[in-house]
Amino acid sequence: MKWLELLQVAGVTLVAAVTLVVLYSLGVRLTAIAGDARQKSPALVRSLAFVCFGFCALAVLFGIYLIVPYFAK
């Protein structure tokens, strides 16, 4: 077994998982901030939250693209 490749896959998996969690949690946090009544510009904060959710969805779709062999043809 090639240990370096195993460590590479483990490292990429860890980075991807942390990135997805950070993007999603940042989107949830920004959505909560936008819902605050004292917020000056909730539309801007809400749009940033949707951008975070969009990047999270793109990362998930890219992961599905990499996993499913039908798309590689």
PDB file of N, CA and C in Angstrom:
ATOM      1  N   MET A   1       0.845  -1.176   0.000  1.00  0.00           N
ATOM      2  CA  MET A   1       0.000   0.000   0.000  1.00  0.00           C
ATOM      3  C   MET A   1       0.888   1.236   0.000  1.00  0.00           C
ATOM      4  N   LYS A   2       0.423   2.253  -0.704  1.00  0.00           N
ATOM      5  CA  LYS A   2       1.176   3.497  -0.780  1.00  0.00           C
ATOM      6  C   LYS A   2       0.656   4.443   0.296  1.00  0.00           C
ATOM      7  N   TRP A   3       1.446   4.608   1.330  1.00  0.00           N
ATOM      8  CA  TRP A   3       1.011   5.361   2.503  1.00  0.00           C
ATOM      9  C   TRP A   3       0.886   6.851   2.228  1.00  0.00           C
ATOM     10  N   LEU A   4       1.718   7.367   1.356  1.00  0.00           N
ATOM     11  CA  LEU A   4       1.655   8.792   1.061  1.00  0.00           C
ATOM     12  C   LEU A   4       0.323   9.160   0.397  1.00  0.00           C
ATOM     13  N   GLU A   5      -0.149   8.296  -0.491  1.00  0.00           N
ATOM     14  CA  GLU A   5      -1.436   8.563  -1.133  1.00  0.00           C
ATOM     15  C   GLU A   5      -2.596   8.437  -0.154  1.00  0.00           C
ATOM     16  N   LEU A   6      -2.488   7.520   0.770  1.00  0.00           N
ATOM     17  CA  LEU A   6      -3.513   7.392   1.807  1.00  0.00           C
ATOM     18  C   LEU A   6      -3.565   8.640   2.685  1.00  0.00           C
ATOM     19  N   LEU A   7      -2.401   9.155   3.055  1.00  0.00           N
ATOM     20  CA  LEU A   7      -2.350  10.388   3.840  1.00  0.00           C
ATOM     21  C   LEU A   7      -2.865  11.586   3.038  1.00  0.00           C
ATOM     22  N   GLN A   8      -2.598  11.592   1.739  1.00  0.00           N
ATOM     23  CA  GLN A   8      -3.088  12.669   0.891  1.00  0.00           C
ATOM     24  C   GLN A   8      -4.612  12.667   0.825  1.00  0.00           C
ATOM     25  N   VAL A   9      -5.204  11.503   0.652  1.00  0.00           N
ATOM     26  CA  VAL A   9      -6.666  11.389   0.617  1.00  0.00           C
ATOM     27  C   VAL A   9      -7.260  11.780   1.971  1.00  0.00           C
ATOM     28  N   ALA A  10      -6.634  11.349   3.046  1.00  0.00           N
ATOM     29  CA  ALA A  10      -7.125  11.704   4.381  1.00  0.00           C
ATOM     30  C   ALA A  10      -7.036  13.210   4.608  1.00  0.00           C
ATOM     31  N   GLY A  11      -5.962  13.829   4.169  1.00  0.00           N
ATOM     32  CA  GLY A  11      -5.810  15.267   4.329  1.00  0.00           C
ATOM     33  C   GLY A  11      -6.814  16.063   3.517  1.00  0.00           C
ATOM     34  N   VAL A  12      -7.034  15.662   2.278  1.00  0.00           N
ATOM     35  CA  VAL A  12      -8.016  16.350   1.434  1.00  0.00           C
ATOM     36  C   VAL A  12      -9.418  16.161   1.996  1.00  0.00           C
ATOM     37  N   THR A  13      -9.719  14.990   2.508  1.00  0.00           N
ATOM     38  CA  THR A  13     -11.025  14.736   3.111  1.00  0.00           C
ATOM     39  C   THR A  13     -11.231  15.616   4.338  1.00  0.00           C
ATOM     40  N   LEU A  14     -10.218  15.732   5.162  1.00  0.00           N
ATOM     41  CA  LEU A  14     -10.315  16.570   6.358  1.00  0.00           C
ATOM     42  C   LEU A  14     -10.510  18.043   5.996  1.00  0.00           C
ATOM     43  N   VAL A  15      -9.747  18.526   5.024  1.00  0.00           N
ATOM     44  CA  VAL A  15      -9.873  19.925   4.600  1.00  0.00           C
ATOM     45  C   VAL A  15     -11.248  20.187   3.995  1.00  0.00           C
ATOM     46  N   ALA A  16     -11.746  19.266   3.174  1.00  0.00           N
ATOM     47  CA  ALA A  16     -13.064  19.438   2.564  1.00  0.00           C
ATOM     48  C   ALA A  16     -14.168  19.425   3.611  1.00  0.00           C
ATOM     49  N   ALA A  17     -14.061  18.532   4.578  1.00  0.00           N
ATOM     50  CA  ALA A  17     -15.083  18.462   5.622  1.00  0.00           C
ATOM     51  C   ALA A  17     -15.083  19.727   6.480  1.00  0.00           C
ATOM     52  N   VAL A  18     -13.914  20.205   6.843  1.00  0.00           N
ATOM     53  CA  VAL A  18     -13.829  21.421   7.652  1.00  0.00           C
ATOM     54  C   VAL A  18     -14.354  22.612   6.857  1.00  0.00           C
ATOM     55  N   THR A  19     -14.042  22.684   5.576  1.00  0.00           N
ATOM     56  CA  THR A  19     -14.521  23.776   4.731  1.00  0.00           C
ATOM     57  C   THR A  19     -16.039  23.776   4.648  1.00  0.00           C
ATOM     58  N   LEU A  20     -16.645  22.610   4.454  1.00  0.00           N
ATOM     59  CA  LEU A  20     -18.101  22.531   4.385  1.00  0.00           C
ATOM     60  C   LEU A  20     -18.748  22.940   5.701  1.00  0.00           C
ATOM     61  N   VAL A  21     -18.204  22.486   6.794  1.00  0.00           N
ATOM     62  CA  VAL A  21     -18.769  22.833   8.100  1.00  0.00           C
ATOM     63  C   VAL A  21     -18.644  24.327   8.361  1.00  0.00           C
ATOM     64  N   VAL A  22     -17.503  24.911   8.025  1.00  0.00           N
ATOM     65  CA  VAL A  22     -17.305  26.342   8.251  1.00  0.00           C
ATOM     66  C   VAL A  22     -18.248  27.162   7.363  1.00  0.00           C
ATOM     67  N   LEU A  23     -18.380  26.796   6.097  1.00  0.00           N
ATOM     68  CA  LEU A  23     -19.281  27.532   5.209  1.00  0.00           C
ATOM     69  C   LEU A  23     -20.724  27.457   5.686  1.00  0.00           C
ATOM     70  N   TYR A  24     -21.160  26.264   6.061  1.00  0.00           N
ATOM     71  CA  TYR A  24     -22.548  26.110   6.496  1.00  0.00           C
ATOM     72  C   TYR A  24     -22.797  26.850   7.814  1.00  0.00           C
ATOM     73  N   SER A  25     -21.889  26.708   8.760  1.00  0.00           N
ATOM     74  CA  SER A  25     -22.094  27.380  10.049  1.00  0.00           C
ATOM     75  C   SER A  25     -22.006  28.898   9.909  1.00  0.00           C
ATOM     76  N   LEU A  26     -21.156  29.389   9.017  1.00  0.00           N
ATOM     77  CA  LEU A  26     -21.088  30.823   8.776  1.00  0.00           C
ATOM     78  C   LEU A  26     -22.393  31.315   8.136  1.00  0.00           C
ATOM     79  N   GLY A  27     -22.955  30.519   7.220  1.00  0.00           N
ATOM     80  CA  GLY A  27     -24.236  30.882   6.631  1.00  0.00           C
ATOM     81  C   GLY A  27     -25.350  30.915   7.658  1.00  0.00           C
ATOM     82  N   VAL A  28     -25.369  29.960   8.559  1.00  0.00           N
ATOM     83  CA  VAL A  28     -26.391  29.942   9.616  1.00  0.00           C
ATOM     84  C   VAL A  28     -26.203  31.129  10.553  1.00  0.00           C
ATOM     85  N   ARG A  29     -24.963  31.429  10.897  1.00  0.00           N
ATOM     86  CA  ARG A  29     -24.697  32.559  11.787  1.00  0.00           C
ATOM     87  C   ARG A  29     -25.100  33.883  11.138  1.00  0.00           C
ATOM     88  N   LEU A  30     -24.786  34.044   9.868  1.00  0.00           N
ATOM     89  CA  LEU A  30     -25.162  35.275   9.177  1.00  0.00           C
ATOM     90  C   LEU A  30     -26.671  35.395   9.018  1.00  0.00           C
ATOM     91  N   THR A  31     -27.353  34.277   8.846  1.00  0.00           N
ATOM     92  CA  THR A  31     -28.816  34.304   8.785  1.00  0.00           C
ATOM     93  C   THR A  31     -29.391  34.745  10.125  1.00  0.00           C
ATOM     94  N   ALA A  32     -28.810  34.283  11.211  1.00  0.00           N
ATOM     95  CA  ALA A  32     -29.275  34.694  12.539  1.00  0.00           C
ATOM     96  C   ALA A  32     -28.997  36.171  12.779  1.00  0.00           C
ATOM     97  N   ILE A  33     -27.857  36.654  12.327  1.00  0.00           N
ATOM     98  CA  ILE A  33     -27.537  38.070  12.485  1.00  0.00           C
ATOM     99  C   ILE A  33     -28.499  38.921  11.663  1.00  0.00           C
ATOM    100  N   ALA A  34     -28.828  38.463  10.453  1.00  0.00           N
ATOM    101  CA  ALA A  34     -29.739  39.225   9.594  1.00  0.00           C
ATOM    102  C   ALA A  34     -31.138  39.286  10.185  1.00  0.00           C
ATOM    103  N   GLY A  35     -31.515  38.322  11.003  1.00  0.00           N
ATOM    104  CA  GLY A  35     -32.830  38.313  11.623  1.00  0.00           C
ATOM    105  C   GLY A  35     -32.936  39.203  12.845  1.00  0.00           C
ATOM    106  N   ASP A  36     -31.811  39.741  13.286  1.00  0.00           N
ATOM    107  CA  ASP A  36     -31.816  40.625  14.455  1.00  0.00           C
ATOM    108  C   ASP A  36     -32.486  41.947  14.096  1.00  0.00           C
ATOM    109  N   ALA A  37     -33.356  42.431  14.961  1.00  0.00           N
ATOM    110  CA  ALA A  37     -34.106  43.664  14.693  1.00  0.00           C
ATOM    111  C   ALA A  37     -33.205  44.893  14.726  1.00  0.00           C
ATOM    112  N   ARG A  38     -32.095  44.828  15.439  1.00  0.00           N
ATOM    113  CA  ARG A  38     -31.209  45.985  15.555  1.00  0.00           C
ATOM    114  C   ARG A  38     -30.188  46.067  14.416  1.00  0.00           C
ATOM    115  N   GLN A  39     -30.227  45.112  13.505  1.00  0.00           N
ATOM    116  CA  GLN A  39     -29.266  45.085  12.406  1.00  0.00           C
ATOM    117  C   GLN A  39     -29.548  46.227  11.430  1.00  0.00           C
ATOM    118  N   LYS A  40     -28.498  46.946  11.008  1.00  0.00           N
ATOM    119  CA  LYS A  40     -28.665  48.106  10.124  1.00  0.00           C
ATOM    120  C   LYS A  40     -28.956  47.700   8.681  1.00  0.00           C
ATOM    121  N   SER A  41     -28.253  46.702   8.168  1.00  0.00           N
ATOM    122  CA  SER A  41     -28.460  46.284   6.773  1.00  0.00           C
ATOM    123  C   SER A  41     -28.660  44.768   6.715  1.00  0.00           C
ATOM    124  N   PRO A  42     -29.863  44.298   7.027  1.00  0.00           N
ATOM    125  CA  PRO A  42     -30.074  42.850   7.030  1.00  0.00           C
ATOM    126  C   PRO A  42     -30.022  42.236   5.627  1.00  0.00           C
ATOM    127  N   ALA A  43     -30.321  43.011   4.600  1.00  0.00           N
ATOM    128  CA  ALA A  43     -30.298  42.458   3.245  1.00  0.00           C
ATOM    129  C   ALA A  43     -28.877  42.068   2.836  1.00  0.00           C
ATOM    130  N   LEU A  44     -27.898  42.884   3.185  1.00  0.00           N
ATOM    131  CA  LEU A  44     -26.503  42.578   2.854  1.00  0.00           C
ATOM    132  C   LEU A  44     -26.030  41.333   3.600  1.00  0.00           C
ATOM    133  N   VAL A  45     -26.338  41.258   4.870  1.00  0.00           N
ATOM    134  CA  VAL A  45     -25.911  40.101   5.669  1.00  0.00           C
ATOM    135  C   VAL A  45     -26.615  38.837   5.184  1.00  0.00           C
ATOM    136  N   ARG A  46     -27.896  38.955   4.858  1.00  0.00           N
ATOM    137  CA  ARG A  46     -28.638  37.788   4.365  1.00  0.00           C
ATOM    138  C   ARG A  46     -28.087  37.328   3.016  1.00  0.00           C
ATOM    139  N   SER A  47     -27.699  38.268   2.161  1.00  0.00           N
ATOM    140  CA  SER A  47     -27.127  37.875   0.868  1.00  0.00           C
ATOM    141  C   SER A  47     -25.773  37.191   1.059  1.00  0.00           C
ATOM    142  N   LEU A  48     -24.981  37.643   2.025  1.00  0.00           N
ATOM    143  CA  LEU A  48     -23.721  36.955   2.330  1.00  0.00           C
ATOM    144  C   LEU A  48     -23.968  35.545   2.857  1.00  0.00           C
ATOM    145  N   ALA A  49     -25.041  35.389   3.624  1.00  0.00           N
ATOM    146  CA  ALA A  49     -25.395  34.051   4.111  1.00  0.00           C
ATOM    147  C   ALA A  49     -25.752  33.142   2.939  1.00  0.00           C
ATOM    148  N   PHE A  50     -26.505  33.678   1.980  1.00  0.00           N
ATOM    149  CA  PHE A  50     -26.871  32.878   0.814  1.00  0.00           C
ATOM    150  C   PHE A  50     -25.663  32.546  -0.051  1.00  0.00           C
ATOM    151  N   VAL A  51     -24.690  33.435  -0.088  1.00  0.00           N
ATOM    152  CA  VAL A  51     -23.440  33.145  -0.809  1.00  0.00           C
ATOM    153  C   VAL A  51     -22.709  31.984  -0.136  1.00  0.00           C
ATOM    154  N   CYS A  52     -22.670  31.999   1.191  1.00  0.00           N
ATOM    155  CA  CYS A  52     -22.037  30.889   1.929  1.00  0.00           C
ATOM    156  C   CYS A  52     -22.765  29.569   1.651  1.00  0.00           C
ATOM    157  N   PHE A  53     -24.105  29.605   1.685  1.00  0.00           N
ATOM    158  CA  PHE A  53     -24.870  28.397   1.387  1.00  0.00           C
ATOM    159  C   PHE A  53     -24.647  27.946  -0.049  1.00  0.00           C
ATOM    160  N   GLY A  54     -24.516  28.890  -0.965  1.00  0.00           N
ATOM    161  CA  GLY A  54     -24.269  28.544  -2.363  1.00  0.00           C
ATOM    162  C   GLY A  54     -22.927  27.867  -2.554  1.00  0.00           C
ATOM    163  N   PHE A  55     -21.882  28.408  -1.920  1.00  0.00           N
ATOM    164  CA  PHE A  55     -20.565  27.772  -2.010  1.00  0.00           C
ATOM    165  C   PHE A  55     -20.577  26.378  -1.376  1.00  0.00           C
ATOM    166  N   CYS A  56     -21.321  26.233  -0.297  1.00  0.00           N
ATOM    167  CA  CYS A  56     -21.450  24.925   0.348  1.00  0.00           C
ATOM    168  C   CYS A  56     -22.128  23.936  -0.599  1.00  0.00           C
ATOM    169  N   ALA A  57     -23.193  24.378  -1.255  1.00  0.00           N
ATOM    170  CA  ALA A  57     -23.897  23.511  -2.202  1.00  0.00           C
ATOM    171  C   ALA A  57     -23.010  23.160  -3.395  1.00  0.00           C
ATOM    172  N   LEU A  58     -22.239  24.123  -3.891  1.00  0.00           N
ATOM    173  CA  LEU A  58     -21.323  23.831  -4.992  1.00  0.00           C
ATOM    174  C   LEU A  58     -20.260  22.807  -4.590  1.00  0.00           C
ATOM    175  N   ALA A  59     -19.753  22.912  -3.387  1.00  0.00           N
ATOM    176  CA  ALA A  59     -18.753  21.952  -2.918  1.00  0.00           C
ATOM    177  C   ALA A  59     -19.356  20.552  -2.802  1.00  0.00           C
ATOM    178  N   VAL A  60     -20.586  20.470  -2.325  1.00  0.00           N
ATOM    179  CA  VAL A  60     -21.255  19.163  -2.226  1.00  0.00           C
ATOM    180  C   VAL A  60     -21.495  18.583  -3.617  1.00  0.00           C
ATOM    181  N   LEU A  61     -21.964  19.409  -4.551  1.00  0.00           N
ATOM    182  CA  LEU A  61     -22.201  18.927  -5.907  1.00  0.00           C
ATOM    183  C   LEU A  61     -20.900  18.493  -6.589  1.00  0.00           C
ATOM    184  N   PHE A  62     -19.813  19.213  -6.331  1.00  0.00           N
ATOM    185  CA  PHE A  62     -18.527  18.818  -6.889  1.00  0.00           C
ATOM    186  C   PHE A  62     -18.063  17.484  -6.301  1.00  0.00           C
ATOM    187  N   GLY A  63     -18.301  17.279  -5.015  1.00  0.00           N
ATOM    188  CA  GLY A  63     -17.962  15.989  -4.399  1.00  0.00           C
ATOM    189  C   GLY A  63     -18.770  14.848  -4.992  1.00  0.00           C
ATOM    190  N   ILE A  64     -20.048  15.094  -5.249  1.00  0.00           N
ATOM    191  CA  ILE A  64     -20.883  14.068  -5.887  1.00  0.00           C
ATOM    192  C   ILE A  64     -20.380  13.793  -7.297  1.00  0.00           C
ATOM    193  N   TYR A  65     -19.988  14.856  -8.006  1.00  0.00           N
ATOM    194  CA  TYR A  65     -19.444  14.688  -9.354  1.00  0.00           C
ATOM    195  C   TYR A  65     -18.190  13.814  -9.331  1.00  0.00           C
ATOM    196  N   LEU A  66     -17.349  13.992  -8.328  1.00  0.00           N
ATOM    197  CA  LEU A  66     -16.127  13.204  -8.239  1.00  0.00           C
ATOM    198  C   LEU A  66     -16.390  11.758  -7.859  1.00  0.00           C
ATOM    199  N   ILE A  67     -17.445  11.507  -7.091  1.00  0.00           N
ATOM    200  CA  ILE A  67     -17.702  10.162  -6.577  1.00  0.00           C
ATOM    201  C   ILE A  67     -18.450   9.301  -7.588  1.00  0.00           C
ATOM    202  N   VAL A  68     -19.454   9.864  -8.247  1.00  0.00           N
ATOM    203  CA  VAL A  68     -20.316   9.077  -9.134  1.00  0.00           C
ATOM    204  C   VAL A  68     -19.597   8.826 -10.464  1.00  0.00           C
ATOM    205  N   PRO A  69     -19.403   7.560 -10.819  1.00  0.00           N
ATOM    206  CA  PRO A  69     -18.646   7.249 -12.039  1.00  0.00           C
ATOM    207  C   PRO A  69     -19.391   7.628 -13.331  1.00  0.00           C
ATOM    208  N   TYR A  70     -20.697   7.767 -13.287  1.00  0.00           N
ATOM    209  CA  TYR A  70     -21.458   8.106 -14.491  1.00  0.00           C
ATOM    210  C   TYR A  70     -21.060   9.465 -15.052  1.00  0.00           C
ATOM    211  N   PHE A  71     -20.710  10.407 -14.183  1.00  0.00           N
ATOM    212  CA  PHE A  71     -20.363  11.746 -14.634  1.00  0.00           C
ATOM    213  C   PHE A  71     -18.964  11.839 -15.213  1.00  0.00           C
ATOM    214  N   ALA A  72     -18.138  10.854 -14.989  1.00  0.00           N
ATOM    215  CA  ALA A  72     -16.749  10.883 -15.477  1.00  0.00           C
ATOM    216  C   ALA A  72     -16.646  10.504 -16.946  1.00  0.00           C
ATOM    217  N   LYS A  73     -17.717  10.021 -17.522  1.00  0.00           N
ATOM    218  CA  LYS A  73     -17.663   9.594 -18.940  1.00  0.00           C
ATOM    219  C   LYS A  73     -17.732  10.750 -19.877  1.00  0.00           C
TER     220      LYS A  73
END
